[in-house]
Amino acid sequence: AFLGQEERHNVEEVLKNWDLTRFAYDAPEKTTFVRG
């Protein structure tokens, strides 16, 4: 019941940007969602 549009947006951003891990393999200097 606590899941709303903010959580949906965050999941969509992670999937759109392939931020599924703590580091981006093609851009190690990037702060991914997980690392953030």
All heavy atoms as atom14 arrays in JSON, in Angstrom:
{
  "sequence": "AFLGQEERHNVEEVLKNWDLTRFAYDAPEKTTFVRG",
  "atom14_mask": [
    [1, 1, 1, 1, 1, 0, 0, 0, 0, 0, 0, 0, 0, 0],
    [1, 1, 1, 1, 1, 1, 1, 1, 1, 1, 1, 0, 0, 0],
    [1, 1, 1, 1, 1, 1, 1, 1, 0, 0, 0, 0, 0, 0],
    [1, 1, 1, 1, 0, 0, 0, 0, 0, 0, 0, 0, 0, 0],
    [1, 1, 1, 1, 1, 1, 1, 1, 1, 0, 0, 0, 0, 0],
    [1, 1, 1, 1, 1, 1, 1, 1, 1, 0, 0, 0, 0, 0],
    [1, 1, 1, 1, 1, 1, 1, 1, 1, 0, 0, 0, 0, 0],
    [1, 1, 1, 1, 1, 1, 1, 1, 1, 1, 1, 0, 0, 0],
    [1, 1, 1, 1, 1, 1, 1, 1, 1, 1, 0, 0, 0, 0],
    [1, 1, 1, 1, 1, 1, 1, 1, 0, 0, 0, 0, 0, 0],
    [1, 1, 1, 1, 1, 1, 1, 0, 0, 0, 0, 0, 0, 0],
    [1, 1, 1, 1, 1, 1, 1, 1, 1, 0, 0, 0, 0, 0],
    [1, 1, 1, 1, 1, 1, 1, 1, 1, 0, 0, 0, 0, 0],
    [1, 1, 1, 1, 1, 1, 1, 0, 0, 0, 0, 0, 0, 0],
    [1, 1, 1, 1, 1, 1, 1, 1, 0, 0, 0, 0, 0, 0],
    [1, 1, 1, 1, 1, 1, 1, 1, 1, 0, 0, 0, 0, 0],
    [1, 1, 1, 1, 1, 1, 1, 1, 0, 0, 0, 0, 0, 0],
    [1, 1, 1, 1, 1, 1, 1, 1, 1, 1, 1, 1, 1, 1],
    [1, 1, 1, 1, 1, 1, 1, 1, 0, 0, 0, 0, 0, 0],
    [1, 1, 1, 1, 1, 1, 1, 1, 0, 0, 0, 0, 0, 0],
    [1, 1, 1, 1, 1, 1, 1, 0, 0, 0, 0, 0, 0, 0],
    [1, 1, 1, 1, 1, 1, 1, 1, 1, 1, 1, 0, 0, 0],
    [1, 1, 1, 1, 1, 1, 1, 1, 1, 1, 1, 0, 0, 0],
    [1, 1, 1, 1, 1, 0, 0, 0, 0, 0, 0, 0, 0, 0],
    [1, 1, 1, 1, 1, 1, 1, 1, 1, 1, 1, 1, 0, 0],
    [1, 1, 1, 1, 1, 1, 1, 1, 0, 0, 0, 0, 0, 0],
    [1, 1, 1, 1, 1, 0, 0, 0, 0, 0, 0, 0, 0, 0],
    [1, 1, 1, 1, 1, 1, 1, 0, 0, 0, 0, 0, 0, 0],
    [1, 1, 1, 1, 1, 1, 1, 1, 1, 0, 0, 0, 0, 0],
    [1, 1, 1, 1, 1, 1, 1, 1, 1, 0, 0, 0, 0, 0],
    [1, 1, 1, 1, 1, 1, 1, 0, 0, 0, 0, 0, 0, 0],
    [1, 1, 1, 1, 1, 1, 1, 0, 0, 0, 0, 0, 0, 0],
    [1, 1, 1, 1, 1, 1, 1, 1, 1, 1, 1, 0, 0, 0],
    [1, 1, 1, 1, 1, 1, 1, 0, 0, 0, 0, 0, 0, 0],
    [1, 1, 1, 1, 1, 1, 1, 1, 1, 1, 1, 0, 0, 0],
    [1, 1, 1, 1, 0, 0, 0, 0, 0, 0, 0, 0, 0, 0]
  ],
  "atom14_positions": [
    [[0.82, -1.22, 0.0], [0.0, 0.0, 0.0], [0.85, 1.26, 0.0], [0.37, 2.34, -0.34], [-0.93, 0.0, 1.21], [0.0, 0.0, 0.0], [0.0, 0.0, 0.0], [0.0, 0.0, 0.0], [0.0, 0.0, 0.0], [0.0, 0.0, 0.0], [0.0, 0.0, 0.0], [0.0, 0.0, 0.0], [0.0, 0.0, 0.0], [0.0, 0.0, 0.0]],
    [[2.14, 1.14, 0.35], [3.01, 2.32, 0.41], [3.7, 2.6, -0.92], [4.44, 3.56, -1.04], [4.06, 2.15, 1.51], [3.44, 2.05, 2.88], [3.36, 0.82, 3.51], [2.91, 3.17, 3.51], [2.77, 0.72, 4.76], [2.32, 3.07, 4.75], [2.24, 1.84, 5.38], [0.0, 0.0, 0.0], [0.0, 0.0, 0.0], [0.0, 0.0, 0.0]],
    [[3.51, 1.73, -1.91], [4.13, 1.95, -3.22], [3.27, 2.89, -4.03], [2.06, 2.71, -4.15], [4.29, 0.62, -3.96], [5.2, -0.4, -3.3], [5.23, -1.68, -4.12], [6.6, 0.14, -3.12], [0.0, 0.0, 0.0], [0.0, 0.0, 0.0], [0.0, 0.0, 0.0], [0.0, 0.0, 0.0], [0.0, 0.0, 0.0], [0.0, 0.0, 0.0]],
    [[3.92, 3.9, -4.6], [3.18, 4.88, -5.37], [3.92, 5.27, -6.64], [4.8, 4.54, -7.12], [0.0, 0.0, 0.0], [0.0, 0.0, 0.0], [0.0, 0.0, 0.0], [0.0, 0.0, 0.0], [0.0, 0.0, 0.0], [0.0, 0.0, 0.0], [0.0, 0.0, 0.0], [0.0, 0.0, 0.0], [0.0, 0.0, 0.0], [0.0, 0.0, 0.0]],
    [[3.6, 6.44, -7.17], [4.19, 6.9, -8.42], [5.7, 7.14, -8.29], [6.44, 6.93, -9.24], [3.48, 8.15, -8.91], [2.07, 7.89, -9.4], [2.04, 6.81, -10.48], [2.79, 6.86, -11.45], [1.19, 5.8, -10.29], [0.0, 0.0, 0.0], [0.0, 0.0, 0.0], [0.0, 0.0, 0.0], [0.0, 0.0, 0.0], [0.0, 0.0, 0.0]],
    [[6.17, 7.6, -7.14], [7.61, 7.84, -6.96], [8.39, 6.53, -7.11], [9.43, 6.49, -7.77], [7.88, 8.47, -5.6], [9.35, 8.81, -5.39], [9.62, 9.47, -4.05], [8.69, 9.68, -3.26], [10.8, 9.79, -3.81], [0.0, 0.0, 0.0], [0.0, 0.0, 0.0], [0.0, 0.0, 0.0], [0.0, 0.0, 0.0], [0.0, 0.0, 0.0]],
    [[7.89, 5.47, -6.49], [8.57, 4.18, -6.61], [8.52, 3.66, -8.04], [9.51, 3.14, -8.56], [7.93, 3.15, -5.65], [8.23, 3.41, -4.19], [7.42, 4.55, -3.58], [6.37, 4.95, -4.15], [7.83, 5.05, -2.52], [0.0, 0.0, 0.0], [0.0, 0.0, 0.0], [0.0, 0.0, 0.0], [0.0, 0.0, 0.0], [0.0, 0.0, 0.0]],
    [[7.39, 3.83, -8.7], [7.26, 3.42, -10.11], [8.27, 4.18, -10.97], [8.96, 3.6, -11.8], [5.84, 3.65, -10.63], [5.67, 3.31, -12.11], [4.26, 3.59, -12.6], [3.29, 2.76, -11.94], [2.99, 1.51, -12.3], [3.62, 0.95, -13.3], [2.07, 0.83, -11.66], [0.0, 0.0, 0.0], [0.0, 0.0, 0.0], [0.0, 0.0, 0.0]],
    [[8.37, 5.48, -10.74], [9.31, 6.32, -11.49], [10.75, 5.83, -11.28], [11.53, 5.73, -12.23], [9.16, 7.79, -11.09], [10.23, 8.66, -11.64], [10.26, 9.07, -12.97], [11.34, 9.19, -11.07], [11.34, 9.8, -13.17], [12.01, 9.89, -12.03], [0.0, 0.0, 0.0], [0.0, 0.0, 0.0], [0.0, 0.0, 0.0], [0.0, 0.0, 0.0]],
    [[11.11, 5.56, -10.01], [12.47, 5.1, -9.72], [12.79, 3.79, -10.42], [13.88, 3.63, -10.98], [12.68, 4.96, -8.21], [12.74, 6.29, -7.5], [13.0, 7.32, -8.12], [12.51, 6.28, -6.21], [0.0, 0.0, 0.0], [0.0, 0.0, 0.0], [0.0, 0.0, 0.0], [0.0, 0.0, 0.0], [0.0, 0.0, 0.0], [0.0, 0.0, 0.0]],
    [[11.86, 2.85, -10.38], [12.08, 1.55, -11.05], [12.23, 1.77, -12.55], [13.12, 1.2, -13.19], [10.93, 0.57, -10.75], [11.0, -0.65, -11.65], [10.96, 0.16, -9.28], [0.0, 0.0, 0.0], [0.0, 0.0, 0.0], [0.0, 0.0, 0.0], [0.0, 0.0, 0.0], [0.0, 0.0, 0.0], [0.0, 0.0, 0.0], [0.0, 0.0, 0.0]],
    [[11.38, 2.6, -13.13], [11.46, 2.87, -14.57], [12.79, 3.52, -14.94], [13.39, 3.2, -15.97], [10.28, 3.72, -15.01], [8.97, 2.94, -15.0], [7.74, 3.79, -15.25], [7.85, 5.05, -15.29], [6.65, 3.21, -15.38], [0.0, 0.0, 0.0], [0.0, 0.0, 0.0], [0.0, 0.0, 0.0], [0.0, 0.0, 0.0], [0.0, 0.0, 0.0]],
    [[13.3, 4.44, -14.1], [14.59, 5.08, -14.36], [15.73, 4.07, -14.31], [16.64, 4.11, -15.14], [14.83, 6.22, -13.36], [14.05, 7.47, -13.64], [14.42, 8.1, -14.98], [15.61, 8.36, -15.23], [13.48, 8.32, -15.78], [0.0, 0.0, 0.0], [0.0, 0.0, 0.0], [0.0, 0.0, 0.0], [0.0, 0.0, 0.0], [0.0, 0.0, 0.0]],
    [[15.71, 3.2, -13.33], [16.75, 2.17, -13.21], [16.75, 1.29, -14.45], [17.8, 1.02, -15.04], [16.54, 1.32, -11.94], [17.39, 0.06, -11.97], [16.87, 2.14, -10.7], [0.0, 0.0, 0.0], [0.0, 0.0, 0.0], [0.0, 0.0, 0.0], [0.0, 0.0, 0.0], [0.0, 0.0, 0.0], [0.0, 0.0, 0.0], [0.0, 0.0, 0.0]],
    [[15.58, 0.86, -14.88], [15.5, -0.01, -16.06], [15.87, 0.73, -17.34], [16.58, 0.2, -18.19], [14.09, -0.61, -16.17], [13.71, -1.59, -15.07], [12.25, -2.0, -15.21], [14.62, -2.8, -15.06], [0.0, 0.0, 0.0], [0.0, 0.0, 0.0], [0.0, 0.0, 0.0], [0.0, 0.0, 0.0], [0.0, 0.0, 0.0], [0.0, 0.0, 0.0]],
    [[15.43, 1.98, -17.47], [15.73, 2.77, -18.67], [17.23, 3.0, -18.82], [17.78, 2.93, -19.91], [14.98, 4.11, -18.61], [15.2, 4.99, -19.84], [14.39, 6.26, -19.76], [15.14, 7.22, -18.87], [14.53, 8.53, -18.76], [0.0, 0.0, 0.0], [0.0, 0.0, 0.0], [0.0, 0.0, 0.0], [0.0, 0.0, 0.0], [0.0, 0.0, 0.0]],
    [[17.91, 3.25, -17.71], [19.34, 3.57, -17.74], [20.25, 2.37, -17.47], [21.47, 2.53, -17.4], [19.65, 4.67, -16.71], [18.94, 5.96, -17.05], [18.93, 6.39, -18.2], [18.33, 6.58, -16.05], [0.0, 0.0, 0.0], [0.0, 0.0, 0.0], [0.0, 0.0, 0.0], [0.0, 0.0, 0.0], [0.0, 0.0, 0.0], [0.0, 0.0, 0.0]],
    [[19.66, 1.2, -17.29], [20.43, -0.03, -16.99], [21.28, 0.15, -15.74], [22.41, -0.31, -15.65], [21.3, -0.45, -18.19], [20.47, -0.97, -19.31], [20.02, -0.25, -20.38], [19.93, -2.27, -19.44], [19.25, -1.03, -21.18], [19.18, -2.3, -20.64], [20.0, -3.44, -18.7], [18.51, -3.43, -21.08], [19.35, -4.57, -19.14], [18.61, -4.56, -20.32]],
    [[20.73, 0.82, -14.74], [21.41, 1.06, -13.47], [21.13, -0.07, -12.47], [20.75, 0.16, -11.33], [20.95, 2.38, -12.85], [21.6, 3.59, -13.46], [22.55, 3.41, -14.24], [21.17, 4.7, -13.15], [0.0, 0.0, 0.0], [0.0, 0.0, 0.0], [0.0, 0.0, 0.0], [0.0, 0.0, 0.0], [0.0, 0.0, 0.0], [0.0, 0.0, 0.0]],
    [[21.31, -1.3, -12.89], [20.97, -2.45, -12.05], [22.09, -2.83, -11.08], [21.89, -3.68, -10.21], [20.63, -3.66, -12.92], [19.43, -3.46, -13.86], [19.3, -4.65, -14.79], [18.17, -3.27, -13.05], [0.0, 0.0, 0.0], [0.0, 0.0, 0.0], [0.0, 0.0, 0.0], [0.0, 0.0, 0.0], [0.0, 0.0, 0.0], [0.0, 0.0, 0.0]],
    [[23.26, -2.26, -11.21], [24.38, -2.58, -10.34], [24.96, -1.29, -9.76], [24.59, -0.19, -10.16], [25.49, -3.32, -11.11], [25.96, -2.49, -12.17], [24.97, -4.63, -11.69], [0.0, 0.0, 0.0], [0.0, 0.0, 0.0], [0.0, 0.0, 0.0], [0.0, 0.0, 0.0], [0.0, 0.0, 0.0], [0.0, 0.0, 0.0], [0.0, 0.0, 0.0]],
    [[25.92, -1.44, -8.85], [26.47, -0.26, -8.19], [27.38, 0.54, -9.1], [27.61, 1.71, -8.86], [27.16, -0.64, -6.89], [28.38, -1.5, -7.04], [28.86, -2.07, -5.71], [28.89, -1.08, -4.66], [29.96, -0.76, -3.97], [31.09, -1.36, -4.19], [29.91, 0.14, -3.04], [0.0, 0.0, 0.0], [0.0, 0.0, 0.0], [0.0, 0.0, 0.0]],
    [[27.96, -0.07, -10.14], [28.83, 0.64, -11.07], [28.38, 0.4, -12.49], [27.97, -0.69, -12.84], [30.3, 0.21, -10.92], [30.87, 0.51, -9.57], [31.18, -0.5, -8.69], [31.07, 1.83, -9.17], [31.7, -0.22, -7.44], [31.58, 2.12, -7.91], [31.89, 1.1, -7.05], [0.0, 0.0, 0.0], [0.0, 0.0, 0.0], [0.0, 0.0, 0.0]],
    [[28.48, 1.42, -13.32], [28.16, 1.28, -14.74], [29.41, 0.77, -15.44], [30.47, 1.39, -15.36], [27.73, 2.63, -15.32], [0.0, 0.0, 0.0], [0.0, 0.0, 0.0], [0.0, 0.0, 0.0], [0.0, 0.0, 0.0], [0.0, 0.0, 0.0], [0.0, 0.0, 0.0], [0.0, 0.0, 0.0], [0.0, 0.0, 0.0], [0.0, 0.0, 0.0]],
    [[29.29, -0.35, -16.11], [30.46, -0.97, -16.72], [31.07, -0.12, -17.83], [32.27, -0.09, -18.0], [30.1, -2.36, -17.27], [29.74, -3.3, -16.18], [28.42, -3.68, -15.97], [30.69, -3.8, -15.3], [28.07, -4.53, -14.94], [30.37, -4.64, -14.27], [29.06, -5.02, -14.1], [28.73, -5.85, -13.07], [0.0, 0.0, 0.0], [0.0, 0.0, 0.0]],
    [[30.24, 0.61, -18.55], [30.76, 1.42, -19.65], [31.13, 2.85, -19.21], [31.7, 3.6, -19.98], [29.76, 1.47, -20.8], [28.4, 2.0, -20.38], [28.14, 2.08, -19.16], [27.6, 2.33, -21.26], [0.0, 0.0, 0.0], [0.0, 0.0, 0.0], [0.0, 0.0, 0.0], [0.0, 0.0, 0.0], [0.0, 0.0, 0.0], [0.0, 0.0, 0.0]],
    [[30.81, 3.21, -17.96], [31.13, 4.55, -17.46], [31.37, 4.47, -15.95], [30.51, 4.84, -15.15], [29.99, 5.52, -17.78], [0.0, 0.0, 0.0], [0.0, 0.0, 0.0], [0.0, 0.0, 0.0], [0.0, 0.0, 0.0], [0.0, 0.0, 0.0], [0.0, 0.0, 0.0], [0.0, 0.0, 0.0], [0.0, 0.0, 0.0], [0.0, 0.0, 0.0]],
    [[32.54, 3.96, -15.53], [32.8, 3.75, -14.1], [32.67, 4.99, -13.23], [32.43, 4.88, -12.04], [34.23, 3.22, -14.06], [34.65, 2.99, -15.45], [33.65, 3.61, -16.37], [0.0, 0.0, 0.0], [0.0, 0.0, 0.0], [0.0, 0.0, 0.0], [0.0, 0.0, 0.0], [0.0, 0.0, 0.0], [0.0, 0.0, 0.0], [0.0, 0.0, 0.0]],
    [[32.81, 6.16, -13.82], [32.72, 7.39, -13.04], [31.27, 7.79, -12.76], [30.99, 8.66, -11.94], [33.45, 8.54, -13.75], [32.78, 9.06, -15.01], [32.88, 8.14, -16.24], [33.68, 7.19, -16.22], [32.15, 8.4, -17.21], [0.0, 0.0, 0.0], [0.0, 0.0, 0.0], [0.0, 0.0, 0.0], [0.0, 0.0, 0.0], [0.0, 0.0, 0.0]],
    [[30.31, 7.15, -13.43], [28.9, 7.47, -13.28], [28.39, 6.97, -11.92], [28.74, 5.89, -11.47], [28.1, 6.79, -14.39], [26.62, 7.01, -14.29], [25.87, 6.26, -15.37], [24.39, 6.45, -15.17], [23.62, 5.53, -15.96], [0.0, 0.0, 0.0], [0.0, 0.0, 0.0], [0.0, 0.0, 0.0], [0.0, 0.0, 0.0], [0.0, 0.0, 0.0]],
    [[27.57, 7.78, -11.27], [26.92, 7.35, -10.04], [25.57, 6.74, -10.41], [24.65, 7.46, -10.8], [26.73, 8.53, -9.07], [28.0, 9.06, -8.75], [26.03, 8.08, -7.79], [0.0, 0.0, 0.0], [0.0, 0.0, 0.0], [0.0, 0.0, 0.0], [0.0, 0.0, 0.0], [0.0, 0.0, 0.0], [0.0, 0.0, 0.0], [0.0, 0.0, 0.0]],
    [[25.49, 5.43, -10.32], [24.24, 4.74, -10.64], [23.25, 4.94, -9.5], [23.59, 5.42, -8.42], [24.48, 3.23, -10.84], [24.91, 2.67, -9.6], [25.49, 2.97, -11.94], [0.0, 0.0, 0.0], [0.0, 0.0, 0.0], [0.0, 0.0, 0.0], [0.0, 0.0, 0.0], [0.0, 0.0, 0.0], [0.0, 0.0, 0.0], [0.0, 0.0, 0.0]],
    [[22.01, 4.53, -9.73], [20.97, 4.62, -8.72], [21.38, 3.84, -7.47], [21.23, 4.3, -6.34], [19.65, 4.09, -9.28], [18.45, 4.4, -8.43], [17.77, 5.6, -8.58], [18.01, 3.51, -7.47], [16.67, 5.89, -7.8], [16.92, 3.79, -6.68], [16.24, 4.98, -6.85], [0.0, 0.0, 0.0], [0.0, 0.0, 0.0], [0.0, 0.0, 0.0]],
    [[21.93, 2.64, -7.67], [22.34, 1.8, -6.54], [23.47, 2.47, -5.76], [23.45, 2.53, -4.53], [22.77, 0.39, -7.02], [23.32, -0.44, -5.88], [21.6, -0.32, -7.69], [0.0, 0.0, 0.0], [0.0, 0.0, 0.0], [0.0, 0.0, 0.0], [0.0, 0.0, 0.0], [0.0, 0.0, 0.0], [0.0, 0.0, 0.0], [0.0, 0.0, 0.0]],
    [[24.47, 2.99, -6.47], [25.59, 3.64, -5.79], [25.11, 4.9, -5.07], [25.57, 5.22, -3.97], [26.71, 3.99, -6.79], [27.93, 4.56, -6.14], [28.62, 3.54, -5.23], [29.73, 4.17, -4.55], [29.97, 4.06, -3.25], [29.2, 3.31, -2.5], [30.99, 4.66, -2.71], [0.0, 0.0, 0.0], [0.0, 0.0, 0.0], [0.0, 0.0, 0.0]],
    [[24.15, 5.61, -5.66], [23.57, 6.78, -5.0], [22.88, 6.39, -3.7], [22.97, 7.1, -2.69], [0.0, 0.0, 0.0], [0.0, 0.0, 0.0], [0.0, 0.0, 0.0], [0.0, 0.0, 0.0], [0.0, 0.0, 0.0], [0.0, 0.0, 0.0], [0.0, 0.0, 0.0], [0.0, 0.0, 0.0], [0.0, 0.0, 0.0], [0.0, 0.0, 0.0]]
  ]
}
